[in-house]
Every structure is written in C-alpha cells, then in structure tokens.
Amino acid sequence: MELYNLTFNNKIQNDQPLILCLGSFETLHIGHLELIKNAKSLKILHPECILAFSIFKNPHKNGNVKPEKAFQLKPRLYTLANYGFNQTYIIDFNEDFRYKTAKEFIELLKKMNVKHIVCGQDYTFGFNKSGNINLLKKYFDVSIASERKINSQKISSGIIRDLIKESNIEMLNTLLIDKYAFIVNVEKFHFQYPENLIRLHAGIYYVNVVIENIEYHGICLINFNQNNEMNNKLILLDLDLVWSKHQEVYIEFIDKLRLIKNQAENEIFDDDIAIAKAFFSINIK
C-alpha cells in the first residue's frame, strides 16, 4: 500500500481515477466496514480506479488536536492494507489544514483525480465544517455508508475511547475491525506505555504478540505505576528470548485476565501464567 502525506502544497498526481473514503478515522470500527464495503463495490463497477483512503494522523475535535488518542497510526494502516487499499493519504491536522475552506479542499481532491467518494452520513469538511455531502455531490459521485448501531446508539470513535478507558476489551474487540492493539519497543520483555495513548486500566491481559511477522501468545502486565518507565511487561508462553535490544512488537489484546487495583496485586504471579496456559490451550486451534 502506498502512503502519502496529504497537504495543500504537495503535487500528488494520479493517472488513474480514485475511489476515496473520506473521514478522520481515529479508530477503525465495524461502522467503517460499511464504507469499506461500498468502496469495494465501486471498485468492481469501476476496475480502472485506484482504491484509496484518507486518515488523520492524530484525532481532533472542534478544530483542536486531542491530547490523547485511541489508536496509533501504524495499526490503523495495517488494517487498511489488509483490506486491499492501494493508497492511503495521511492528514496532519495543522494550522494550514485547519483554516482551508471547503472549496479549497474540493480543488485538492480534483487535482488528485478523485472521481468517487465514500463517506458517512454526517461527513463535513473545510474551515468551521462549512462543507457537507451536498456540496461534494456537485463535483463527485458520492456514496453514503449506512450507520451501524449498538443499543440504538451509533457506533463511534467516542464509544471506542470510553471502552479503552474502561478496559472492556471483550466489547472493544466486538466493535473494532481488528482487535485492539498498539506497537511498542521492548527491551528484555519490558516496555514503556505508548506516549499520548489512552491508557488501559492496570491489569493482566491475554495478548497475541507479533515479532517480525511471527505471532506468539502470552500475557501482558500494564503496571499500576505509570511513570513513563519501562515497567510494563510481557510474558510469552512460546518464546523465551527477544533477540534485539530494542525490538518493535505489535501487541494485540484479547481479553483481560484480571485488573490490578493496588500495589500488592501489581505483578504477574504463577497463577496468572497457569490460567493463561489453560486459556490458550483452549483458544489456539
């Protein structure tokens, strides 16, 4: 998948027309699957088109970047690559981008050779959200994805953020396209919690860990004391050694084994390892 930083100054030229999914996509949840399905259906009808996605590097609200994010950029890009997108355009919501008008944004899309747009029902763009779907329809073929709801409430990144804060991994993974995950650098199985990421509650979690494209299984301690130190820990049941001193690993959270509520509970006990072994003996086929 090709990656581009989308700004108003770069000169991105596509000889082939684009089918482009528009949105901020702070998270990628099952509501967004409707956009992906619509885009793939358009690709069948228009095989000459490139399948493309736009995504914000960092989440924003009311014109300001949020201090904490639900997801890192890289795990979201992995999800899009797995769904067969040819290009992803990464938007850094800086001052230049924030103050561009809806008309300027439309002109940028036209220069990119966008012909078909897929977006949600409430999509807006441009300074002060001055652009909407009706304006897009004047320049492009627009496909509007239907909403997905849970308990009569629209599935949104706001719900996903709340579930992360609650450490409700089971429900979180039900609503996400891929399981909740983040990427860290590990040294002797210890790591620092990712910067500016919404924190899970301290606890022991069942995890899948991908190292150099190989998946391992184990448990992860999210430490009760978060002081920006390497005090979070992995125990992998099928790997004894991480060879590199600073090894990048992809940690996918399956469910919580237990939450940690005080300092006395703040370690991995032999019972945790025994429970994890039993869990994976049942759940790994």
C-alpha atoms as a PDB file:
ATOM      1  CA  MET A   1       0.000   0.000   0.000  1.00  0.00           C
ATOM      2  CA  GLU A   2       1.360   3.413  -0.968  1.00  0.00           C
ATOM      3  CA  LEU A   3       1.386   6.117   1.728  1.00  0.00           C
ATOM      4  CA  TYR A   4       1.184   9.861   1.084  1.00  0.00           C
ATOM      5  CA  ASN A   5       1.197  12.881   3.379  1.00  0.00           C
ATOM      6  CA  LEU A   6      -1.736  14.942   2.172  1.00  0.00           C
ATOM      7  CA  THR A   7      -1.119  18.692   2.233  1.00  0.00           C
ATOM      8  CA  PHE A   8      -2.258  21.594   0.114  1.00  0.00           C
ATOM      9  CA  ASN A   9       1.310  22.156  -1.077  1.00  0.00           C
ATOM     10  CA  ASN A  10       2.211  18.711  -2.418  1.00  0.00           C
ATOM     11  CA  LYS A  11       1.594  17.781  -6.021  1.00  0.00           C
ATOM     12  CA  ILE A  12       0.012  14.352  -5.937  1.00  0.00           C
ATOM     13  CA  GLN A  13      -0.946  13.286  -9.436  1.00  0.00           C
ATOM     14  CA  ASN A  14      -2.776  10.089 -10.262  1.00  0.00           C
ATOM     15  CA  ASP A  15      -3.156   8.973 -13.845  1.00  0.00           C
ATOM     16  CA  GLN A  16      -5.933   6.640 -12.742  1.00  0.00           C
ATOM     17  CA  PRO A  17      -9.116   7.978 -11.094  1.00  0.00           C
ATOM     18  CA  LEU A  18      -9.592   7.459  -7.354  1.00  0.00           C
ATOM     19  CA  ILE A  19     -12.307   5.930  -5.214  1.00  0.00           C
ATOM     20  CA  LEU A  20     -11.621   7.738  -1.935  1.00  0.00           C
ATOM     21  CA  CYS A  21     -13.013   7.037   1.551  1.00  0.00           C
ATOM     22  CA  LEU A  22     -13.213  10.308   3.472  1.00  0.00           C
ATOM     23  CA  GLY A  23     -13.249  10.724   7.250  1.00  0.00           C
ATOM     24  CA  SER A  24     -10.955  11.244  10.224  1.00  0.00           C
ATOM     25  CA  PHE A  25     -10.903   7.549  11.275  1.00  0.00           C
ATOM     26  CA  GLU A  26      -9.432   7.961  14.754  1.00  0.00           C
ATOM     27  CA  THR A  27     -10.384   4.310  15.135  1.00  0.00           C
ATOM     28  CA  LEU A  28     -11.447   1.688  12.607  1.00  0.00           C
ATOM     29  CA  HIS A  29     -14.644   0.077  13.881  1.00  0.00           C
ATOM     30  CA  ILE A  30     -17.370  -2.055  12.318  1.00  0.00           C
ATOM     31  CA  GLY A  31     -19.306   1.057  11.359  1.00  0.00           C
ATOM     32  CA  HIS A  32     -16.444   1.849   8.999  1.00  0.00           C
ATOM     33  CA  LEU A  33     -16.812  -1.575   7.402  1.00  0.00           C
ATOM     34  CA  GLU A  34     -19.828  -0.140   5.597  1.00  0.00           C
ATOM     35  CA  LEU A  35     -17.561   2.431   3.920  1.00  0.00           C
ATOM     36  CA  ILE A  36     -15.061  -0.259   3.005  1.00  0.00           C
ATOM     37  CA  LYS A  37     -17.811  -2.460   1.522  1.00  0.00           C
ATOM     38  CA  ASN A  38     -19.163   0.464  -0.510  1.00  0.00           C
ATOM     39  CA  ALA A  39     -15.692   1.313  -1.789  1.00  0.00           C
ATOM     40  CA  LYS A  40     -15.016  -2.283  -2.832  1.00  0.00           C
ATOM     41  CA  SER A  41     -18.386  -2.458  -4.609  1.00  0.00           C
ATOM     42  CA  LEU A  42     -17.455   0.682  -6.552  1.00  0.00           C
ATOM     43  CA  LYS A  43     -14.110  -0.882  -7.425  1.00  0.00           C
ATOM     44  CA  ILE A  44     -15.941  -3.819  -9.038  1.00  0.00           C
ATOM     45  CA  LEU A  45     -18.035  -1.399 -11.104  1.00  0.00           C
ATOM     46  CA  HIS A  46     -15.015   0.780 -11.925  1.00  0.00           C
ATOM     47  CA  PRO A  47     -11.956  -1.504 -12.135  1.00  0.00           C
ATOM     48  CA  GLU A  48      -9.902   1.299 -13.663  1.00  0.00           C
ATOM     49  CA  CYS A  49      -9.994   3.191 -10.347  1.00  0.00           C
ATOM     50  CA  ILE A  50      -7.471   3.173  -7.506  1.00  0.00           C
ATOM     51  CA  LEU A  51      -8.895   2.245  -4.096  1.00  0.00           C
ATOM     52  CA  ALA A  52      -7.813   4.944  -1.623  1.00  0.00           C
ATOM     53  CA  PHE A  53      -8.399   6.013   1.971  1.00  0.00           C
ATOM     54  CA  SER A  54      -7.805   9.258   3.866  1.00  0.00           C
ATOM     55  CA  ILE A  55      -6.934   9.157   7.550  1.00  0.00           C
ATOM     56  CA  PHE A  56      -5.985  11.738  10.162  1.00  0.00           C
ATOM     57  CA  LYS A  57      -2.623  11.202  11.841  1.00  0.00           C
ATOM     58  CA  ASN A  58      -3.981  12.467  15.165  1.00  0.00           C
ATOM     59  CA  PRO A  59      -7.594  12.861  16.380  1.00  0.00           C
ATOM     60  CA  HIS A  60      -9.108  16.326  16.625  1.00  0.00           C
ATOM     61  CA  LYS A  61     -12.269  17.928  17.950  1.00  0.00           C
ATOM     62  CA  ASN A  62     -13.647  21.408  17.282  1.00  0.00           C
ATOM     63  CA  GLY A  63     -10.500  22.317  15.391  1.00  0.00           C
ATOM     64  CA  ASN A  64      -8.060  21.212  18.089  1.00  0.00           C
ATOM     65  CA  VAL A  65      -5.913  18.077  18.294  1.00  0.00           C
ATOM     66  CA  LYS A  66      -6.979  15.854  21.202  1.00  0.00           C
ATOM     67  CA  PRO A  67      -4.323  15.399  23.916  1.00  0.00           C
ATOM     68  CA  GLU A  68      -4.836  11.626  23.948  1.00  0.00           C
ATOM     69  CA  LYS A  69      -5.527   9.266  21.077  1.00  0.00           C
ATOM     70  CA  ALA A  70      -7.308   5.939  20.981  1.00  0.00           C
ATOM     71  CA  PHE A  71      -5.037   4.359  18.363  1.00  0.00           C
ATOM     72  CA  GLN A  72      -1.580   4.842  16.964  1.00  0.00           C
ATOM     73  CA  LEU A  73      -1.361   5.466  13.239  1.00  0.00           C
ATOM     74  CA  LYS A  74       0.543   2.320  12.272  1.00  0.00           C
ATOM     75  CA  PRO A  75      -2.032  -0.275  13.491  1.00  0.00           C
ATOM     76  CA  ARG A  76      -4.727   1.555  11.525  1.00  0.00           C
ATOM     77  CA  LEU A  77      -2.555   1.441   8.403  1.00  0.00           C
ATOM     78  CA  TYR A  78      -2.064  -2.310   8.858  1.00  0.00           C
ATOM     79  CA  THR A  79      -5.850  -2.763   8.899  1.00  0.00           C
ATOM     80  CA  LEU A  80      -6.296  -0.788   5.680  1.00  0.00           C
ATOM     81  CA  ALA A  81      -3.506  -2.688   3.939  1.00  0.00           C
ATOM     82  CA  ASN A  82      -5.172  -5.977   4.891  1.00  0.00           C
ATOM     83  CA  TYR A  83      -8.389  -4.778   3.233  1.00  0.00           C
ATOM     84  CA  GLY A  84      -6.649  -4.206  -0.075  1.00  0.00           C
ATOM     85  CA  PHE A  85      -6.447  -0.424  -0.310  1.00  0.00           C
ATOM     86  CA  ASN A  86      -3.906   0.754  -2.879  1.00  0.00           C
ATOM     87  CA  GLN A  87      -3.231   4.173  -1.348  1.00  0.00           C
ATOM     88  CA  THR A  88      -3.685   5.900   1.998  1.00  0.00           C
ATOM     89  CA  TYR A  89      -3.477   9.671   2.402  1.00  0.00           C
ATOM     90  CA  ILE A  90      -2.339  10.751   5.862  1.00  0.00           C
ATOM     91  CA  ILE A  91      -3.579  14.148   7.042  1.00  0.00           C
ATOM     92  CA  ASP A  92      -1.714  16.107   9.705  1.00  0.00           C
ATOM     93  CA  PHE A  93      -4.339  18.446  11.142  1.00  0.00           C
ATOM     94  CA  ASN A  94      -2.089  21.506  11.451  1.00  0.00           C
ATOM     95  CA  GLU A  95      -2.880  25.202  11.225  1.00  0.00           C
ATOM     96  CA  ASP A  96      -2.563  25.197   7.443  1.00  0.00           C
ATOM     97  CA  PHE A  97      -5.058  22.387   7.030  1.00  0.00           C
ATOM     98  CA  ARG A  98      -7.444  23.655   9.694  1.00  0.00           C
ATOM     99  CA  TYR A  99      -8.108  27.009   8.013  1.00  0.00           C
ATOM    100  CA  LYS A 100      -8.591  25.806   4.453  1.00  0.00           C
ATOM    101  CA  THR A 101     -12.030  26.397   3.018  1.00  0.00           C
ATOM    102  CA  ALA A 102     -14.370  23.712   1.745  1.00  0.00           C
ATOM    103  CA  LYS A 103     -13.792  24.974  -1.797  1.00  0.00           C
ATOM    104  CA  GLU A 104     -10.011  24.647  -1.419  1.00  0.00           C
ATOM    105  CA  PHE A 105     -10.426  21.079  -0.173  1.00  0.00           C
ATOM    106  CA  ILE A 106     -12.590  20.218  -3.179  1.00  0.00           C
ATOM    107  CA  GLU A 107      -9.963  21.658  -5.519  1.00  0.00           C
ATOM    108  CA  LEU A 108      -7.334  19.480  -3.831  1.00  0.00           C
ATOM    109  CA  LEU A 109      -9.463  16.364  -4.375  1.00  0.00           C
ATOM    110  CA  LYS A 110      -9.948  17.256  -8.030  1.00  0.00           C
ATOM    111  CA  LYS A 111      -6.165  17.608  -8.504  1.00  0.00           C
ATOM    112  CA  MET A 112      -5.766  14.134  -7.001  1.00  0.00           C
ATOM    113  CA  ASN A 113      -8.114  12.800  -9.708  1.00  0.00           C
ATOM    114  CA  VAL A 114     -10.802  11.754  -7.224  1.00  0.00           C
ATOM    115  CA  LYS A 115     -13.960  10.626  -9.054  1.00  0.00           C
ATOM    116  CA  HIS A 116     -15.878   8.638  -6.437  1.00  0.00           C
ATOM    117  CA  ILE A 117     -16.179   9.465  -2.732  1.00  0.00           C
ATOM    118  CA  VAL A 118     -17.413   7.203   0.061  1.00  0.00           C
ATOM    119  CA  CYS A 119     -18.240   8.822   3.409  1.00  0.00           C
ATOM    120  CA  GLY A 120     -20.561   8.701   6.402  1.00  0.00           C
ATOM    121  CA  GLN A 121     -23.913  10.434   6.644  1.00  0.00           C
ATOM    122  CA  ASP A 122     -22.594  13.268   8.824  1.00  0.00           C
ATOM    123  CA  TYR A 123     -19.332  13.965   6.996  1.00  0.00           C
ATOM    124  CA  THR A 124     -18.252  17.629   6.955  1.00  0.00           C
ATOM    125  CA  PHE A 125     -15.056  19.344   5.836  1.00  0.00           C
ATOM    126  CA  GLY A 126     -13.412  22.735   5.465  1.00  0.00           C
ATOM    127  CA  PHE A 127     -12.987  25.562   7.972  1.00  0.00           C
ATOM    128  CA  ASN A 128     -15.819  25.637  10.516  1.00  0.00           C
ATOM    129  CA  LYS A 129     -17.243  22.498   8.865  1.00  0.00           C
ATOM    130  CA  SER A 130     -18.559  24.637   6.023  1.00  0.00           C
ATOM    131  CA  GLY A 131     -18.615  21.768   3.504  1.00  0.00           C
ATOM    132  CA  ASN A 132     -21.050  18.868   3.527  1.00  0.00           C
ATOM    133  CA  ILE A 133     -22.226  15.947   1.416  1.00  0.00           C
ATOM    134  CA  ASN A 134     -24.492  18.109  -0.742  1.00  0.00           C
ATOM    135  CA  LEU A 135     -21.508  20.228  -1.758  1.00  0.00           C
ATOM    136  CA  LEU A 136     -19.446  17.122  -2.564  1.00  0.00           C
ATOM    137  CA  LYS A 137     -22.220  15.834  -4.818  1.00  0.00           C
ATOM    138  CA  LYS A 138     -21.784  18.851  -7.085  1.00  0.00           C
ATOM    139  CA  TYR A 139     -18.287  17.677  -8.040  1.00  0.00           C
ATOM    140  CA  PHE A 140     -18.056  13.923  -7.393  1.00  0.00           C
ATOM    141  CA  ASP A 141     -20.024  10.717  -7.399  1.00  0.00           C
ATOM    142  CA  VAL A 142     -20.802  10.268  -3.679  1.00  0.00           C
ATOM    143  CA  SER A 143     -21.729   7.032  -1.922  1.00  0.00           C
ATOM    144  CA  ILE A 144     -23.061   7.398   1.634  1.00  0.00           C
ATOM    145  CA  ALA A 145     -22.453   4.484   4.007  1.00  0.00           C
ATOM    146  CA  SER A 146     -25.253   3.419   6.327  1.00  0.00           C
ATOM    147  CA  GLU A 147     -24.805   3.681  10.089  1.00  0.00           C
ATOM    148  CA  ARG A 148     -24.159   0.746  12.394  1.00  0.00           C
ATOM    149  CA  LYS A 149     -25.702   0.935  15.872  1.00  0.00           C
ATOM    150  CA  ILE A 150     -25.433  -0.852  19.186  1.00  0.00           C
ATOM    151  CA  ASN A 151     -28.253  -0.490  21.731  1.00  0.00           C
ATOM    152  CA  SER A 152     -29.798   2.145  19.427  1.00  0.00           C
ATOM    153  CA  GLN A 153     -26.607   4.229  19.609  1.00  0.00           C
ATOM    154  CA  LYS A 154     -24.400   4.953  16.619  1.00  0.00           C
ATOM    155  CA  ILE A 155     -21.052   3.164  16.822  1.00  0.00           C
ATOM    156  CA  SER A 156     -18.435   5.895  17.015  1.00  0.00           C
ATOM    157  CA  SER A 157     -14.836   6.553  17.976  1.00  0.00           C
ATOM    158  CA  GLY A 158     -16.195   8.170  21.146  1.00  0.00           C
ATOM    159  CA  ILE A 159     -17.630   4.817  22.241  1.00  0.00           C
ATOM    160  CA  ILE A 160     -14.321   3.137  21.421  1.00  0.00           C
ATOM    161  CA  ARG A 161     -12.418   5.677  23.528  1.00  0.00           C
ATOM    162  CA  ASP A 162     -14.709   5.030  26.501  1.00  0.00           C
ATOM    163  CA  LEU A 163     -14.285   1.256  26.204  1.00  0.00           C
ATOM    164  CA  ILE A 164     -10.496   1.636  26.221  1.00  0.00           C
ATOM    165  CA  LYS A 165     -10.686   3.720  29.398  1.00  0.00           C
ATOM    166  CA  GLU A 166     -12.916   1.046  30.951  1.00  0.00           C
ATOM    167  CA  SER A 167     -10.587  -1.728  29.737  1.00  0.00           C
ATOM    168  CA  ASN A 168     -13.641  -3.506  28.357  1.00  0.00           C
ATOM    169  CA  ILE A 169     -11.539  -5.496  25.908  1.00  0.00           C
ATOM    170  CA  GLU A 170     -14.261  -8.010  25.036  1.00  0.00           C
ATOM    171  CA  MET A 171     -16.750  -5.339  23.922  1.00  0.00           C
ATOM    172  CA  LEU A 172     -13.974  -3.267  22.374  1.00  0.00           C
ATOM    173  CA  ASN A 173     -12.901  -6.115  20.108  1.00  0.00           C
ATOM    174  CA  THR A 174     -16.531  -6.792  19.191  1.00  0.00           C
ATOM    175  CA  LEU A 175     -16.809  -3.267  17.776  1.00  0.00           C
ATOM    176  CA  LEU A 176     -13.381  -2.907  16.153  1.00  0.00           C
ATOM    177  CA  ILE A 177     -12.489  -4.257  12.705  1.00  0.00           C
ATOM    178  CA  ASP A 178      -9.250  -5.696  14.148  1.00  0.00           C
ATOM    179  CA  LYS A 179      -8.551  -6.428  17.794  1.00  0.00           C
ATOM    180  CA  TYR A 180      -7.318  -3.561  19.950  1.00  0.00           C
ATOM    181  CA  ALA A 181      -3.534  -3.252  19.608  1.00  0.00           C
ATOM    182  CA  PHE A 182      -0.577  -0.956  19.961  1.00  0.00           C
ATOM    183  CA  ILE A 183       3.098  -1.051  18.963  1.00  0.00           C
ATOM    184  CA  VAL A 184       5.991  -0.640  21.379  1.00  0.00           C
ATOM    185  CA  ASN A 185       9.726  -1.193  21.587  1.00  0.00           C
ATOM    186  CA  VAL A 186      10.567  -3.974  24.016  1.00  0.00           C
ATOM    187  CA  GLU A 187      13.774  -4.488  25.964  1.00  0.00           C
ATOM    188  CA  LYS A 188      14.037  -7.790  27.843  1.00  0.00           C
ATOM    189  CA  PHE A 189      10.236  -8.090  27.641  1.00  0.00           C
ATOM    190  CA  HIS A 190       9.682  -4.681  29.306  1.00  0.00           C
ATOM    191  CA  PHE A 191       8.253  -1.614  27.611  1.00  0.00           C
ATOM    192  CA  GLN A 192       7.103   1.939  28.183  1.00  0.00           C
ATOM    193  CA  TYR A 193       3.435   2.702  27.616  1.00  0.00           C
ATOM    194  CA  PRO A 194       2.941   4.474  24.247  1.00  0.00           C
ATOM    195  CA  GLU A 195       3.048   8.243  24.502  1.00  0.00           C
ATOM    196  CA  ASN A 196      -0.252  10.183  24.307  1.00  0.00           C
ATOM    197  CA  LEU A 197      -2.294   6.979  24.062  1.00  0.00           C
ATOM    198  CA  ILE A 198      -5.402   6.467  26.184  1.00  0.00           C
ATOM    199  CA  ARG A 199      -4.318   4.137  28.964  1.00  0.00           C
ATOM    200  CA  LEU A 200      -5.807   0.800  29.725  1.00  0.00           C
ATOM    201  CA  HIS A 201      -6.542   0.109  33.392  1.00  0.00           C
ATOM    202  CA  ALA A 202      -3.664  -1.548  35.231  1.00  0.00           C
ATOM    203  CA  GLY A 203      -4.056  -5.290  34.881  1.00  0.00           C
ATOM    204  CA  ILE A 204      -3.001  -8.587  33.383  1.00  0.00           C
ATOM    205  CA  TYR A 205      -4.221  -9.148  29.809  1.00  0.00           C
ATOM    206  CA  TYR A 206      -4.206 -12.084  27.407  1.00  0.00           C
ATOM    207  CA  VAL A 207      -2.291 -10.970  24.310  1.00  0.00           C
ATOM    208  CA  ASN A 208      -1.073 -12.039  20.912  1.00  0.00           C
ATOM    209  CA  VAL A 209       2.323 -10.555  20.131  1.00  0.00           C
ATOM    210  CA  VAL A 210       3.730 -10.239  16.612  1.00  0.00           C
ATOM    211  CA  ILE A 211       7.524 -10.061  16.261  1.00  0.00           C
ATOM    212  CA  GLU A 212       8.977  -9.989  12.743  1.00  0.00           C
ATOM    213  CA  ASN A 213       5.728 -11.369  11.284  1.00  0.00           C
ATOM    214  CA  ILE A 214       5.549 -14.315  13.694  1.00  0.00           C
ATOM    215  CA  GLU A 215       2.704 -14.476  16.236  1.00  0.00           C
ATOM    216  CA  TYR A 216       3.301 -15.515  19.833  1.00  0.00           C
ATOM    217  CA  HIS A 217       0.907 -15.825  22.782  1.00  0.00           C
ATOM    218  CA  GLY A 218       1.087 -14.750  26.385  1.00  0.00           C
ATOM    219  CA  ILE A 219       0.126 -12.184  28.977  1.00  0.00           C
ATOM    220  CA  CYS A 220       0.874  -8.515  29.438  1.00  0.00           C
ATOM    221  CA  LEU A 221       1.207  -6.575  32.686  1.00  0.00           C
ATOM    222  CA  ILE A 222       0.019  -2.982  32.441  1.00  0.00           C
ATOM    223  CA  ASN A 223       1.692  -1.576  35.513  1.00  0.00           C
ATOM    224  CA  PHE A 224      -0.204   0.081  38.354  1.00  0.00           C
ATOM    225  CA  ASN A 225       2.514   2.762  38.434  1.00  0.00           C
ATOM    226  CA  GLN A 226       2.844   4.634  35.142  1.00  0.00           C
ATOM    227  CA  ASN A 227       5.819   6.977  35.392  1.00  0.00           C
ATOM    228  CA  ASN A 228       6.925   6.827  31.760  1.00  0.00           C
ATOM    229  CA  GLU A 229       9.238   3.983  32.653  1.00  0.00           C
ATOM    230  CA  MET A 230       9.904   0.562  31.158  1.00  0.00           C
ATOM    231  CA  ASN A 231       7.733  -1.069  33.828  1.00  0.00           C
ATOM    232  CA  ASN A 232       5.114  -2.814  31.690  1.00  0.00           C
ATOM    233  CA  LYS A 233       5.917  -6.448  30.994  1.00  0.00           C
ATOM    234  CA  LEU A 234       5.269  -9.292  28.579  1.00  0.00           C
ATOM    235  CA  ILE A 235       5.471 -12.993  29.308  1.00  0.00           C
ATOM    236  CA  LEU A 236       5.254 -15.075  26.128  1.00  0.00           C
ATOM    237  CA  LEU A 237       4.363 -18.713  26.554  1.00  0.00           C
ATOM    238  CA  ASP A 238       6.024 -19.818  23.317  1.00  0.00           C
ATOM    239  CA  LEU A 239       9.127 -17.588  23.208  1.00  0.00           C
ATOM    240  CA  ASP A 240      11.989 -17.269  25.680  1.00  0.00           C
ATOM    241  CA  LEU A 241      14.153 -14.579  24.121  1.00  0.00           C
ATOM    242  CA  VAL A 242      13.692 -11.316  22.215  1.00  0.00           C
ATOM    243  CA  TRP A 243      16.952 -11.093  20.281  1.00  0.00           C
ATOM    244  CA  SER A 244      17.199  -7.360  19.618  1.00  0.00           C
ATOM    245  CA  LYS A 245      17.878  -4.980  22.481  1.00  0.00           C
ATOM    246  CA  HIS A 246      15.098  -2.694  21.280  1.00  0.00           C
ATOM    247  CA  GLN A 247      12.661  -4.939  19.431  1.00  0.00           C
ATOM    248  CA  GLU A 248       9.485  -3.447  17.937  1.00  0.00           C
ATOM    249  CA  VAL A 249       6.492  -5.609  18.731  1.00  0.00           C
ATOM    250  CA  TYR A 250       2.789  -5.482  17.891  1.00  0.00           C
ATOM    251  CA  ILE A 251       0.675  -6.288  20.976  1.00  0.00           C
ATOM    252  CA  GLU A 252      -2.901  -7.385  20.299  1.00  0.00           C
ATOM    253  CA  PHE A 253      -5.172  -7.535  23.356  1.00  0.00           C
ATOM    254  CA  ILE A 254      -7.578 -10.475  23.503  1.00  0.00           C
ATOM    255  CA  ASP A 255      -9.206 -10.021  26.917  1.00  0.00           C
ATOM    256  CA  LYS A 256      -8.329  -9.159  30.480  1.00  0.00           C
ATOM    257  CA  LEU A 257      -7.260 -11.853  32.914  1.00  0.00           C
ATOM    258  CA  ARG A 258      -7.631  -9.591  35.951  1.00  0.00           C
ATOM    259  CA  LEU A 259      -7.464  -5.899  36.853  1.00  0.00           C
ATOM    260  CA  ILE A 260      -4.912  -4.536  39.299  1.00  0.00           C
ATOM    261  CA  LYS A 261      -6.338  -2.293  41.998  1.00  0.00           C
ATOM    262  CA  ASN A 262      -3.409  -1.890  44.401  1.00  0.00           C
ATOM    263  CA  GLN A 263       0.344  -2.295  44.687  1.00  0.00           C
ATOM    264  CA  ALA A 264       0.108  -5.773  46.222  1.00  0.00           C
ATOM    265  CA  GLU A 265      -1.539  -7.083  43.028  1.00  0.00           C
ATOM    266  CA  ASN A 266       0.960  -5.316  40.757  1.00  0.00           C
ATOM    267  CA  GLU A 267       2.913  -8.266  39.376  1.00  0.00           C
ATOM    268  CA  ILE A 268       2.496 -11.418  37.339  1.00  0.00           C
ATOM    269  CA  PHE A 269       2.014 -14.405  39.620  1.00  0.00           C
ATOM    270  CA  ASP A 270       2.479 -18.090  38.883  1.00  0.00           C
ATOM    271  CA  ASP A 271      -1.315 -18.487  38.995  1.00  0.00           C
ATOM    272  CA  ASP A 272      -1.657 -15.907  36.201  1.00  0.00           C
ATOM    273  CA  ILE A 273       0.702 -17.902  33.999  1.00  0.00           C
ATOM    274  CA  ALA A 274      -1.155 -21.160  34.754  1.00  0.00           C
ATOM    275  CA  ILE A 275      -4.505 -19.543  33.919  1.00  0.00           C
ATOM    276  CA  ALA A 276      -3.041 -18.135  30.694  1.00  0.00           C
ATOM    277  CA  LYS A 277      -1.713 -21.524  29.624  1.00  0.00           C
ATOM    278  CA  ALA A 278      -5.158 -23.033  30.141  1.00  0.00           C
ATOM    279  CA  PHE A 279      -6.775 -20.138  28.233  1.00  0.00           C
ATOM    280  CA  PHE A 280      -4.546 -20.511  25.181  1.00  0.00           C
ATOM    281  CA  SER A 281      -4.761 -24.301  25.190  1.00  0.00           C
ATOM    282  CA  ILE A 282      -8.491 -23.859  24.581  1.00  0.00           C
ATOM    283  CA  ASN A 283      -8.390 -20.801  22.306  1.00  0.00           C
ATOM    284  CA  ILE A 284      -5.483 -21.621  19.973  1.00  0.00           C
ATOM    285  CA  LYS A 285      -6.563 -24.077  17.308  1.00  0.00           C
END
